[in-house]
Amino acid sequence: MRKTALFLADALATSRNNKTNKMGLREVKIELNKMDKSEIIKLISEMYKKIQPVKNYLDVLVSGDIKPLIEKYKKEIEKYIYPSGRDLVFKDAEARKLIRSVQKMKIINLNIELELHYVKCCLDFISDYGYWDENYYIAIEKMFNSAVNGISEIGYQKEYEDQLSSLSTSASEHGLELFY
């Protein structure tokens, strides 16, 4: 583990000298190939303890259960979509940022669930507050289309038919066309 820490420190220093502040995947692979199994296990264990996205990814990888993550992230999306406080602070951009970070895990079912939840929350917000903003509507359309593309990619059109239809109908009530 000591060699790993020294390697990472050297790599960071080298990358700072190159003004990139990160090393490439190629360099990481080269160094990992030099390490023995126990060092790699220690490294992954440290990452698991200290880096939440790594923990989430490894938990899903090992268990195959995405339900806890779906529920966790749905609550976070709701927190961002629905305004709070006296000033009704609206943070839908933060919800999209959260979804983009989750998309990096490449777990299509998780992405679909969060994207559709985002769309539903936004449509509920429009319904409750009468909100209209062109960029907001565009963001909803993009998120819906991303979910539809994911559904098509995994061949789950029948499983999501009712949910997509419901969202499309709700959107049309507010002048937004969501096609699937």
N, C-alpha and C. Protein backbone atom coordinates (compact mmCIF):
# COMPACT_ATOMS: atom_id res chain seq x y z
N MET A 1 0.83 -1.19 0.00
CA MET A 1 0.00 0.00 0.00
C MET A 1 0.87 1.26 0.00
N ARG A 2 2.00 1.17 0.64
CA ARG A 2 2.92 2.30 0.69
C ARG A 2 3.40 2.66 -0.72
N LYS A 3 3.72 1.61 -1.51
CA LYS A 3 4.15 1.86 -2.89
C LYS A 3 3.02 2.54 -3.67
N THR A 4 1.79 2.13 -3.42
CA THR A 4 0.64 2.71 -4.11
C THR A 4 0.52 4.19 -3.77
N ALA A 5 0.63 4.51 -2.50
CA ALA A 5 0.53 5.90 -2.08
C ALA A 5 1.65 6.73 -2.70
N LEU A 6 2.84 6.18 -2.74
CA LEU A 6 3.96 6.88 -3.36
C LEU A 6 3.73 7.06 -4.86
N PHE A 7 3.23 6.00 -5.50
CA PHE A 7 2.93 6.08 -6.92
C PHE A 7 1.91 7.18 -7.20
N LEU A 8 0.83 7.20 -6.42
CA LEU A 8 -0.22 8.19 -6.65
C LEU A 8 0.31 9.59 -6.43
N ALA A 9 1.15 9.77 -5.41
CA ALA A 9 1.75 11.08 -5.16
C ALA A 9 2.64 11.49 -6.33
N ASP A 10 3.47 10.56 -6.82
CA ASP A 10 4.33 10.85 -7.97
C ASP A 10 3.51 11.17 -9.21
N ALA A 11 2.46 10.38 -9.45
CA ALA A 11 1.62 10.60 -10.62
C ALA A 11 0.95 11.96 -10.57
N LEU A 12 0.48 12.33 -9.37
CA LEU A 12 -0.16 13.62 -9.21
C LEU A 12 0.84 14.74 -9.46
N ALA A 13 2.04 14.60 -8.91
CA ALA A 13 3.08 15.61 -9.12
C ALA A 13 3.42 15.72 -10.61
N THR A 14 3.56 14.59 -11.27
CA THR A 14 3.86 14.58 -12.70
C THR A 14 2.74 15.25 -13.49
N SER A 15 1.51 14.91 -13.15
CA SER A 15 0.39 15.49 -13.89
C SER A 15 0.28 16.99 -13.62
N ARG A 16 0.64 17.43 -12.41
CA ARG A 16 0.64 18.87 -12.13
C ARG A 16 1.69 19.57 -12.97
N ASN A 17 2.83 18.90 -13.12
CA ASN A 17 3.87 19.49 -13.97
C ASN A 17 3.38 19.59 -15.41
N ASN A 18 2.55 18.66 -15.82
CA ASN A 18 1.97 18.69 -17.16
C ASN A 18 0.71 19.53 -17.22
N LYS A 19 0.32 20.11 -16.09
CA LYS A 19 -0.85 20.99 -15.97
C LYS A 19 -2.17 20.30 -16.29
N THR A 20 -2.26 18.99 -16.10
CA THR A 20 -3.51 18.29 -16.38
C THR A 20 -4.27 17.95 -15.11
N ASN A 21 -3.59 17.87 -13.96
CA ASN A 21 -4.17 17.54 -12.67
C ASN A 21 -4.83 16.18 -12.59
N LYS A 22 -4.62 15.34 -13.57
CA LYS A 22 -5.06 13.95 -13.46
C LYS A 22 -4.27 13.10 -14.42
N MET A 23 -4.14 11.84 -14.04
CA MET A 23 -3.42 10.94 -14.93
C MET A 23 -4.43 10.19 -15.78
N GLY A 24 -3.95 9.70 -16.90
CA GLY A 24 -4.83 9.00 -17.81
C GLY A 24 -5.05 7.56 -17.41
N LEU A 25 -6.07 6.97 -17.99
CA LEU A 25 -6.40 5.57 -17.72
C LEU A 25 -5.23 4.66 -18.06
N ARG A 26 -4.54 4.98 -19.11
CA ARG A 26 -3.38 4.17 -19.52
C ARG A 26 -2.36 4.07 -18.39
N GLU A 27 -2.02 5.22 -17.77
CA GLU A 27 -1.05 5.23 -16.68
C GLU A 27 -1.56 4.44 -15.47
N VAL A 28 -2.85 4.57 -15.20
CA VAL A 28 -3.45 3.82 -14.09
C VAL A 28 -3.31 2.32 -14.35
N LYS A 29 -3.65 1.89 -15.56
CA LYS A 29 -3.56 0.46 -15.89
C LYS A 29 -2.13 -0.05 -15.78
N ILE A 30 -1.18 0.73 -16.23
CA ILE A 30 0.23 0.33 -16.14
C ILE A 30 0.62 0.11 -14.68
N GLU A 31 0.24 1.05 -13.84
CA GLU A 31 0.59 0.93 -12.42
C GLU A 31 -0.15 -0.21 -11.73
N LEU A 32 -1.42 -0.40 -12.07
CA LEU A 32 -2.18 -1.51 -11.49
C LEU A 32 -1.57 -2.86 -11.88
N ASN A 33 -1.10 -2.96 -13.09
CA ASN A 33 -0.46 -4.20 -13.54
C ASN A 33 0.82 -4.50 -12.77
N LYS A 34 1.46 -3.46 -12.25
CA LYS A 34 2.68 -3.65 -11.46
C LYS A 34 2.37 -4.10 -10.03
N MET A 35 1.15 -3.89 -9.58
CA MET A 35 0.78 -4.18 -8.19
C MET A 35 0.38 -5.65 -8.05
N ASP A 36 0.59 -6.17 -6.84
CA ASP A 36 0.10 -7.52 -6.59
C ASP A 36 -1.35 -7.45 -6.11
N LYS A 37 -1.98 -8.60 -6.05
CA LYS A 37 -3.41 -8.69 -5.74
C LYS A 37 -3.75 -8.03 -4.41
N SER A 38 -2.94 -8.26 -3.39
CA SER A 38 -3.24 -7.70 -2.06
C SER A 38 -3.19 -6.17 -2.08
N GLU A 39 -2.28 -5.59 -2.85
CA GLU A 39 -2.22 -4.13 -2.94
C GLU A 39 -3.46 -3.57 -3.64
N ILE A 40 -3.90 -4.27 -4.67
CA ILE A 40 -5.11 -3.83 -5.39
C ILE A 40 -6.33 -3.92 -4.47
N ILE A 41 -6.42 -4.99 -3.70
CA ILE A 41 -7.53 -5.15 -2.76
C ILE A 41 -7.51 -4.03 -1.73
N LYS A 42 -6.35 -3.70 -1.21
CA LYS A 42 -6.24 -2.59 -0.24
C LYS A 42 -6.67 -1.27 -0.87
N LEU A 43 -6.23 -1.04 -2.09
CA LEU A 43 -6.58 0.19 -2.79
C LEU A 43 -8.09 0.29 -2.99
N ILE A 44 -8.69 -0.77 -3.47
CA ILE A 44 -10.14 -0.77 -3.69
C ILE A 44 -10.89 -0.63 -2.37
N SER A 45 -10.40 -1.27 -1.33
CA SER A 45 -11.02 -1.15 0.00
C SER A 45 -10.99 0.29 0.49
N GLU A 46 -9.87 0.96 0.32
CA GLU A 46 -9.76 2.36 0.72
C GLU A 46 -10.71 3.24 -0.08
N MET A 47 -10.78 2.99 -1.38
CA MET A 47 -11.70 3.75 -2.22
C MET A 47 -13.14 3.50 -1.80
N TYR A 48 -13.47 2.26 -1.48
CA TYR A 48 -14.82 1.89 -1.06
C TYR A 48 -15.21 2.66 0.20
N LYS A 49 -14.26 2.79 1.12
CA LYS A 49 -14.53 3.48 2.39
C LYS A 49 -14.66 4.99 2.21
N LYS A 50 -13.90 5.56 1.30
CA LYS A 50 -13.77 7.01 1.24
C LYS A 50 -14.51 7.70 0.11
N ILE A 51 -14.91 6.97 -0.93
CA ILE A 51 -15.51 7.60 -2.11
C ILE A 51 -16.90 7.01 -2.35
N GLN A 52 -17.93 7.78 -2.03
CA GLN A 52 -19.31 7.29 -2.09
C GLN A 52 -19.72 6.73 -3.45
N PRO A 53 -19.41 7.39 -4.58
CA PRO A 53 -19.79 6.79 -5.86
C PRO A 53 -19.14 5.42 -6.10
N VAL A 54 -17.92 5.23 -5.62
CA VAL A 54 -17.26 3.93 -5.75
C VAL A 54 -18.01 2.89 -4.92
N LYS A 55 -18.40 3.27 -3.71
CA LYS A 55 -19.17 2.37 -2.84
C LYS A 55 -20.48 1.99 -3.51
N ASN A 56 -21.19 2.97 -4.03
CA ASN A 56 -22.47 2.70 -4.70
C ASN A 56 -22.28 1.74 -5.87
N TYR A 57 -21.28 2.00 -6.69
CA TYR A 57 -21.02 1.17 -7.86
C TYR A 57 -20.68 -0.26 -7.46
N LEU A 58 -19.79 -0.41 -6.50
CA LEU A 58 -19.38 -1.76 -6.09
C LEU A 58 -20.52 -2.50 -5.40
N ASP A 59 -21.35 -1.79 -4.64
CA ASP A 59 -22.51 -2.43 -4.01
C ASP A 59 -23.45 -3.02 -5.06
N VAL A 60 -23.72 -2.24 -6.12
CA VAL A 60 -24.60 -2.73 -7.19
C VAL A 60 -23.92 -3.84 -7.96
N LEU A 61 -22.64 -3.70 -8.21
CA LEU A 61 -21.89 -4.72 -8.95
C LEU A 61 -21.95 -6.07 -8.24
N VAL A 62 -21.80 -6.05 -6.92
CA VAL A 62 -21.78 -7.29 -6.15
C VAL A 62 -23.19 -7.83 -5.90
N SER A 63 -24.12 -6.96 -5.52
CA SER A 63 -25.46 -7.43 -5.15
C SER A 63 -26.42 -7.51 -6.33
N GLY A 64 -26.23 -6.66 -7.32
CA GLY A 64 -27.15 -6.59 -8.45
C GLY A 64 -28.45 -5.87 -8.10
N ASP A 65 -28.56 -5.36 -6.88
CA ASP A 65 -29.78 -4.71 -6.41
C ASP A 65 -29.64 -3.20 -6.53
N ILE A 66 -30.43 -2.60 -7.43
CA ILE A 66 -30.36 -1.15 -7.60
C ILE A 66 -31.45 -0.41 -6.82
N LYS A 67 -32.38 -1.15 -6.20
CA LYS A 67 -33.51 -0.50 -5.51
C LYS A 67 -33.07 0.50 -4.43
N PRO A 68 -32.09 0.16 -3.58
CA PRO A 68 -31.67 1.15 -2.58
C PRO A 68 -31.14 2.44 -3.21
N LEU A 69 -30.41 2.32 -4.30
CA LEU A 69 -29.90 3.51 -4.97
C LEU A 69 -31.02 4.30 -5.63
N ILE A 70 -31.97 3.59 -6.22
CA ILE A 70 -33.11 4.27 -6.84
C ILE A 70 -33.82 5.13 -5.80
N GLU A 71 -34.12 4.54 -4.66
CA GLU A 71 -34.84 5.28 -3.61
C GLU A 71 -34.02 6.45 -3.08
N LYS A 72 -32.74 6.22 -2.87
CA LYS A 72 -31.85 7.28 -2.37
C LYS A 72 -31.83 8.46 -3.34
N TYR A 73 -31.61 8.17 -4.61
CA TYR A 73 -31.49 9.24 -5.59
C TYR A 73 -32.82 9.90 -5.91
N LYS A 74 -33.92 9.15 -5.84
CA LYS A 74 -35.24 9.75 -6.05
C LYS A 74 -35.50 10.82 -4.99
N LYS A 75 -35.15 10.53 -3.75
CA LYS A 75 -35.33 11.52 -2.68
C LYS A 75 -34.50 12.77 -2.93
N GLU A 76 -33.27 12.56 -3.41
CA GLU A 76 -32.41 13.71 -3.71
C GLU A 76 -32.99 14.54 -4.86
N ILE A 77 -33.49 13.87 -5.88
CA ILE A 77 -34.09 14.58 -7.01
C ILE A 77 -35.28 15.41 -6.53
N GLU A 78 -36.13 14.82 -5.70
CA GLU A 78 -37.28 15.54 -5.17
C GLU A 78 -36.84 16.76 -4.37
N LYS A 79 -35.79 16.61 -3.60
CA LYS A 79 -35.28 17.72 -2.78
C LYS A 79 -34.87 18.88 -3.68
N TYR A 80 -34.30 18.57 -4.84
CA TYR A 80 -33.86 19.63 -5.76
C TYR A 80 -35.01 20.21 -6.58
N ILE A 81 -35.95 19.39 -6.99
CA ILE A 81 -37.03 19.85 -7.87
C ILE A 81 -38.03 20.73 -7.12
N TYR A 82 -38.47 20.26 -5.96
CA TYR A 82 -39.49 21.00 -5.23
C TYR A 82 -38.84 22.11 -4.42
N PRO A 83 -39.31 23.34 -4.62
CA PRO A 83 -38.69 24.47 -3.93
C PRO A 83 -38.86 24.37 -2.42
N SER A 84 -37.91 24.96 -1.72
CA SER A 84 -37.96 24.92 -0.27
C SER A 84 -37.55 26.26 0.30
N GLY A 85 -37.90 26.46 1.55
CA GLY A 85 -37.53 27.70 2.23
C GLY A 85 -38.43 28.85 1.86
N ARG A 86 -38.21 29.97 2.50
CA ARG A 86 -39.03 31.15 2.28
C ARG A 86 -38.91 31.69 0.86
N ASP A 87 -37.72 31.54 0.29
CA ASP A 87 -37.48 32.09 -1.04
C ASP A 87 -37.83 31.10 -2.16
N LEU A 88 -38.36 29.95 -1.79
CA LEU A 88 -38.69 28.92 -2.76
C LEU A 88 -37.54 28.67 -3.74
N VAL A 89 -36.41 28.29 -3.19
CA VAL A 89 -35.22 28.03 -3.99
C VAL A 89 -35.43 26.80 -4.86
N PHE A 90 -35.26 26.98 -6.15
CA PHE A 90 -35.53 25.97 -7.16
C PHE A 90 -34.19 25.50 -7.73
N LYS A 91 -33.89 24.21 -7.62
CA LYS A 91 -32.57 23.70 -8.01
C LYS A 91 -32.68 22.53 -9.00
N ASP A 92 -33.46 22.68 -10.03
CA ASP A 92 -33.60 21.58 -10.99
C ASP A 92 -32.28 21.27 -11.69
N ALA A 93 -31.43 22.26 -11.88
CA ALA A 93 -30.12 22.03 -12.51
C ALA A 93 -29.28 21.07 -11.65
N GLU A 94 -29.42 21.16 -10.34
CA GLU A 94 -28.70 20.26 -9.44
C GLU A 94 -29.22 18.82 -9.60
N ALA A 95 -30.51 18.69 -9.82
CA ALA A 95 -31.08 17.36 -10.04
C ALA A 95 -30.52 16.75 -11.33
N ARG A 96 -30.42 17.56 -12.37
CA ARG A 96 -29.85 17.07 -13.63
C ARG A 96 -28.37 16.71 -13.45
N LYS A 97 -27.67 17.51 -12.68
CA LYS A 97 -26.25 17.23 -12.41
C LYS A 97 -26.10 15.90 -11.67
N LEU A 98 -26.97 15.65 -10.71
CA LEU A 98 -26.96 14.39 -9.97
C LEU A 98 -27.19 13.22 -10.94
N ILE A 99 -28.17 13.35 -11.80
CA ILE A 99 -28.48 12.28 -12.76
C ILE A 99 -27.30 12.05 -13.70
N ARG A 100 -26.67 13.12 -14.16
CA ARG A 100 -25.49 12.96 -15.04
C ARG A 100 -24.37 12.21 -14.32
N SER A 101 -24.18 12.48 -13.04
CA SER A 101 -23.11 11.78 -12.31
C SER A 101 -23.46 10.30 -12.13
N VAL A 102 -24.74 10.00 -11.92
CA VAL A 102 -25.16 8.61 -11.78
C VAL A 102 -25.04 7.89 -13.13
N GLN A 103 -25.31 8.58 -14.21
CA GLN A 103 -25.22 7.98 -15.55
C GLN A 103 -23.82 7.45 -15.84
N LYS A 104 -22.82 8.01 -15.19
CA LYS A 104 -21.44 7.57 -15.41
C LYS A 104 -21.21 6.14 -14.93
N MET A 105 -22.09 5.63 -14.05
CA MET A 105 -21.97 4.25 -13.60
C MET A 105 -22.41 3.26 -14.68
N LYS A 106 -23.09 3.76 -15.70
CA LYS A 106 -23.53 2.93 -16.83
C LYS A 106 -24.47 1.79 -16.41
N ILE A 107 -25.38 2.10 -15.47
CA ILE A 107 -26.40 1.14 -15.04
C ILE A 107 -27.71 1.64 -15.65
N ILE A 108 -28.04 1.12 -16.81
CA ILE A 108 -29.13 1.67 -17.62
C ILE A 108 -30.46 1.68 -16.86
N ASN A 109 -30.79 0.61 -16.16
CA ASN A 109 -32.07 0.56 -15.43
C ASN A 109 -32.15 1.68 -14.38
N LEU A 110 -31.05 1.92 -13.70
CA LEU A 110 -31.00 3.00 -12.70
C LEU A 110 -31.19 4.34 -13.39
N ASN A 111 -30.51 4.55 -14.50
CA ASN A 111 -30.64 5.81 -15.24
C ASN A 111 -32.09 6.05 -15.67
N ILE A 112 -32.71 5.02 -16.21
CA ILE A 112 -34.10 5.15 -16.68
C ILE A 112 -35.01 5.56 -15.53
N GLU A 113 -34.90 4.86 -14.42
CA GLU A 113 -35.76 5.15 -13.26
C GLU A 113 -35.60 6.60 -12.79
N LEU A 114 -34.37 7.06 -12.72
CA LEU A 114 -34.12 8.43 -12.24
C LEU A 114 -34.55 9.47 -13.26
N GLU A 115 -34.32 9.20 -14.54
CA GLU A 115 -34.74 10.14 -15.57
C GLU A 115 -36.25 10.28 -15.61
N LEU A 116 -36.97 9.17 -15.54
CA LEU A 116 -38.44 9.24 -15.54
C LEU A 116 -38.96 9.89 -14.27
N HIS A 117 -38.30 9.65 -13.16
CA HIS A 117 -38.71 10.29 -11.90
C HIS A 117 -38.51 11.81 -11.99
N TYR A 118 -37.40 12.22 -12.57
CA TYR A 118 -37.14 13.64 -12.78
C TYR A 118 -38.28 14.26 -13.60
N VAL A 119 -38.63 13.61 -14.70
CA VAL A 119 -39.70 14.13 -15.57
C VAL A 119 -41.01 14.22 -14.80
N LYS A 120 -41.34 13.18 -14.04
CA LYS A 120 -42.59 13.20 -13.27
C LYS A 120 -42.59 14.33 -12.26
N CYS A 121 -41.48 14.50 -11.53
CA CYS A 121 -41.39 15.56 -10.53
C CYS A 121 -41.54 16.94 -11.18
N CYS A 122 -40.90 17.12 -12.33
CA CYS A 122 -40.99 18.40 -13.03
C CYS A 122 -42.42 18.68 -13.51
N LEU A 123 -43.08 17.65 -14.02
CA LEU A 123 -44.46 17.83 -14.47
C LEU A 123 -45.38 18.13 -13.28
N ASP A 124 -45.14 17.47 -12.16
CA ASP A 124 -45.92 17.77 -10.94
C ASP A 124 -45.68 19.20 -10.50
N PHE A 125 -44.45 19.65 -10.58
CA PHE A 125 -44.10 21.02 -10.21
C PHE A 125 -44.83 22.02 -11.11
N ILE A 126 -44.84 21.75 -12.41
CA ILE A 126 -45.55 22.62 -13.35
C ILE A 126 -47.03 22.66 -13.00
N SER A 127 -47.58 21.50 -12.70
CA SER A 127 -49.00 21.41 -12.37
C SER A 127 -49.32 22.16 -11.07
N ASP A 128 -48.45 22.01 -10.07
CA ASP A 128 -48.69 22.63 -8.76
C ASP A 128 -48.48 24.14 -8.76
N TYR A 129 -47.46 24.61 -9.49
CA TYR A 129 -47.07 26.02 -9.42
C TYR A 129 -47.34 26.81 -10.69
N GLY A 130 -47.79 26.13 -11.75
CA GLY A 130 -48.06 26.83 -12.99
C GLY A 130 -46.79 27.39 -13.62
N TYR A 131 -45.69 26.73 -13.39
CA TYR A 131 -44.39 27.21 -13.87
C TYR A 131 -44.25 27.01 -15.37
N TRP A 132 -43.72 28.03 -16.05
CA TRP A 132 -43.42 27.89 -17.47
C TRP A 132 -42.11 28.59 -17.77
N ASP A 133 -41.21 27.82 -18.35
CA ASP A 133 -39.93 28.36 -18.78
C ASP A 133 -39.45 27.48 -19.93
N GLU A 134 -39.11 28.08 -21.03
CA GLU A 134 -38.74 27.31 -22.23
C GLU A 134 -37.57 26.37 -21.96
N ASN A 135 -36.54 26.86 -21.29
CA ASN A 135 -35.37 26.01 -21.01
C ASN A 135 -35.73 24.85 -20.09
N TYR A 136 -36.64 25.09 -19.17
CA TYR A 136 -37.11 24.04 -18.27
C TYR A 136 -37.82 22.95 -19.07
N TYR A 137 -38.68 23.36 -19.99
CA TYR A 137 -39.39 22.40 -20.83
C TYR A 137 -38.41 21.61 -21.71
N ILE A 138 -37.41 22.30 -22.24
CA ILE A 138 -36.40 21.63 -23.07
C ILE A 138 -35.65 20.58 -22.24
N ALA A 139 -35.31 20.93 -21.00
CA ALA A 139 -34.60 19.99 -20.12
C ALA A 139 -35.47 18.75 -19.84
N ILE A 140 -36.76 18.96 -19.66
CA ILE A 140 -37.69 17.84 -19.43
C ILE A 140 -37.72 16.93 -20.67
N GLU A 141 -37.83 17.54 -21.84
CA GLU A 141 -37.86 16.76 -23.08
C GLU A 141 -36.59 15.94 -23.25
N LYS A 142 -35.45 16.56 -23.01
CA LYS A 142 -34.17 15.85 -23.14
C LYS A 142 -34.09 14.67 -22.18
N MET A 143 -34.53 14.88 -20.95
CA MET A 143 -34.47 13.82 -19.95
C MET A 143 -35.42 12.68 -20.35
N PHE A 144 -36.60 13.02 -20.81
CA PHE A 144 -37.56 12.00 -21.25
C PHE A 144 -36.98 11.21 -22.43
N ASN A 145 -36.40 11.91 -23.39
CA ASN A 145 -35.81 11.23 -24.55
C ASN A 145 -34.66 10.32 -24.15
N SER A 146 -33.88 10.74 -23.17
CA SER A 146 -32.78 9.90 -22.68
C SER A 146 -33.34 8.61 -22.07
N ALA A 147 -34.41 8.74 -21.31
CA ALA A 147 -35.04 7.55 -20.71
C ALA A 147 -35.60 6.64 -21.80
N VAL A 148 -36.26 7.22 -22.78
CA VAL A 148 -36.83 6.42 -23.88
C VAL A 148 -35.72 5.69 -24.63
N ASN A 149 -34.61 6.36 -24.87
CA ASN A 149 -33.48 5.72 -25.54
C ASN A 149 -32.94 4.56 -24.71
N GLY A 150 -32.85 4.74 -23.41
CA GLY A 150 -32.39 3.67 -22.53
C GLY A 150 -33.35 2.48 -22.54
N ILE A 151 -34.63 2.79 -22.51
CA ILE A 151 -35.66 1.73 -22.55
C ILE A 151 -35.54 0.94 -23.85
N SER A 152 -35.37 1.64 -24.95
CA SER A 152 -35.21 0.97 -26.26
C SER A 152 -33.94 0.12 -26.27
N GLU A 153 -32.88 0.65 -25.70
CA GLU A 153 -31.59 -0.05 -25.68
C GLU A 153 -31.68 -1.41 -24.98
N ILE A 154 -32.46 -1.47 -23.89
CA ILE A 154 -32.56 -2.74 -23.16
C ILE A 154 -33.82 -3.53 -23.53
N GLY A 155 -34.64 -2.97 -24.44
CA GLY A 155 -35.81 -3.70 -24.93
C GLY A 155 -36.94 -3.83 -23.92
N TYR A 156 -37.16 -2.81 -23.10
CA TYR A 156 -38.20 -2.85 -22.06
C TYR A 156 -39.39 -1.96 -22.39
N GLN A 157 -39.71 -1.79 -23.68
CA GLN A 157 -40.80 -0.90 -24.07
C GLN A 157 -42.13 -1.28 -23.41
N LYS A 158 -42.45 -2.56 -23.39
CA LYS A 158 -43.72 -3.01 -22.80
C LYS A 158 -43.78 -2.73 -21.30
N GLU A 159 -42.65 -2.94 -20.61
CA GLU A 159 -42.61 -2.74 -19.16
C GLU A 159 -42.83 -1.27 -18.77
N TYR A 160 -42.43 -0.36 -19.63
CA TYR A 160 -42.54 1.08 -19.32
C TYR A 160 -43.68 1.77 -20.07
N GLU A 161 -44.44 1.02 -20.86
CA GLU A 161 -45.50 1.60 -21.69
C GLU A 161 -46.46 2.48 -20.89
N ASP A 162 -46.99 1.97 -19.78
CA ASP A 162 -47.96 2.73 -18.99
C ASP A 162 -47.35 4.01 -18.41
N GLN A 163 -46.15 3.89 -17.90
CA GLN A 163 -45.49 5.05 -17.29
C GLN A 163 -45.20 6.12 -18.36
N LEU A 164 -44.70 5.70 -19.51
CA LEU A 164 -44.42 6.66 -20.58
C LEU A 164 -45.70 7.33 -21.07
N SER A 165 -46.76 6.55 -21.20
CA SER A 165 -48.04 7.08 -21.65
C SER A 165 -48.58 8.12 -20.65
N SER A 166 -48.49 7.79 -19.38
CA SER A 166 -48.96 8.70 -18.32
C SER A 166 -48.18 10.01 -18.34
N LEU A 167 -46.87 9.92 -18.47
CA LEU A 167 -46.04 11.13 -18.50
C LEU A 167 -46.33 11.95 -19.75
N SER A 168 -46.50 11.28 -20.88
CA SER A 168 -46.80 11.97 -22.13
C SER A 168 -48.13 12.70 -22.04
N THR A 169 -49.14 12.05 -21.47
CA THR A 169 -50.45 12.67 -21.31
C THR A 169 -50.37 13.88 -20.38
N SER A 170 -49.69 13.72 -19.26
CA SER A 170 -49.53 14.83 -18.31
C SER A 170 -48.80 16.00 -18.95
N ALA A 171 -47.76 15.71 -19.72
CA ALA A 171 -47.00 16.76 -20.38
C ALA A 171 -47.85 17.52 -21.39
N SER A 172 -48.68 16.80 -22.13
CA SER A 172 -49.50 17.45 -23.16
C SER A 172 -50.50 18.42 -22.54
N GLU A 173 -50.89 18.19 -21.30
CA GLU A 173 -51.80 19.11 -20.59
C GLU A 173 -51.15 20.46 -20.35
N HIS A 174 -49.82 20.50 -20.43
CA HIS A 174 -49.07 21.73 -20.18
C HIS A 174 -48.37 22.24 -21.44
N GLY A 175 -48.80 21.73 -22.60
CA GLY A 175 -48.24 22.20 -23.87
C GLY A 175 -46.88 21.62 -24.20
N LEU A 176 -46.55 20.51 -23.57
CA LEU A 176 -45.26 19.86 -23.80
C LEU A 176 -45.51 18.52 -24.48
N GLU A 177 -44.86 18.29 -25.59
CA GLU A 177 -45.04 17.05 -26.33
C GLU A 177 -43.89 16.09 -26.05
N LEU A 178 -44.19 14.98 -25.40
CA LEU A 178 -43.19 13.95 -25.12
C LEU A 178 -43.58 12.71 -25.92
N PHE A 179 -42.78 12.39 -26.92
CA PHE A 179 -43.06 11.25 -27.79
C PHE A 179 -42.17 10.08 -27.42
N TYR A 180 -42.71 8.88 -27.57
CA TYR A 180 -41.92 7.68 -27.30
C TYR A 180 -42.20 6.62 -28.33
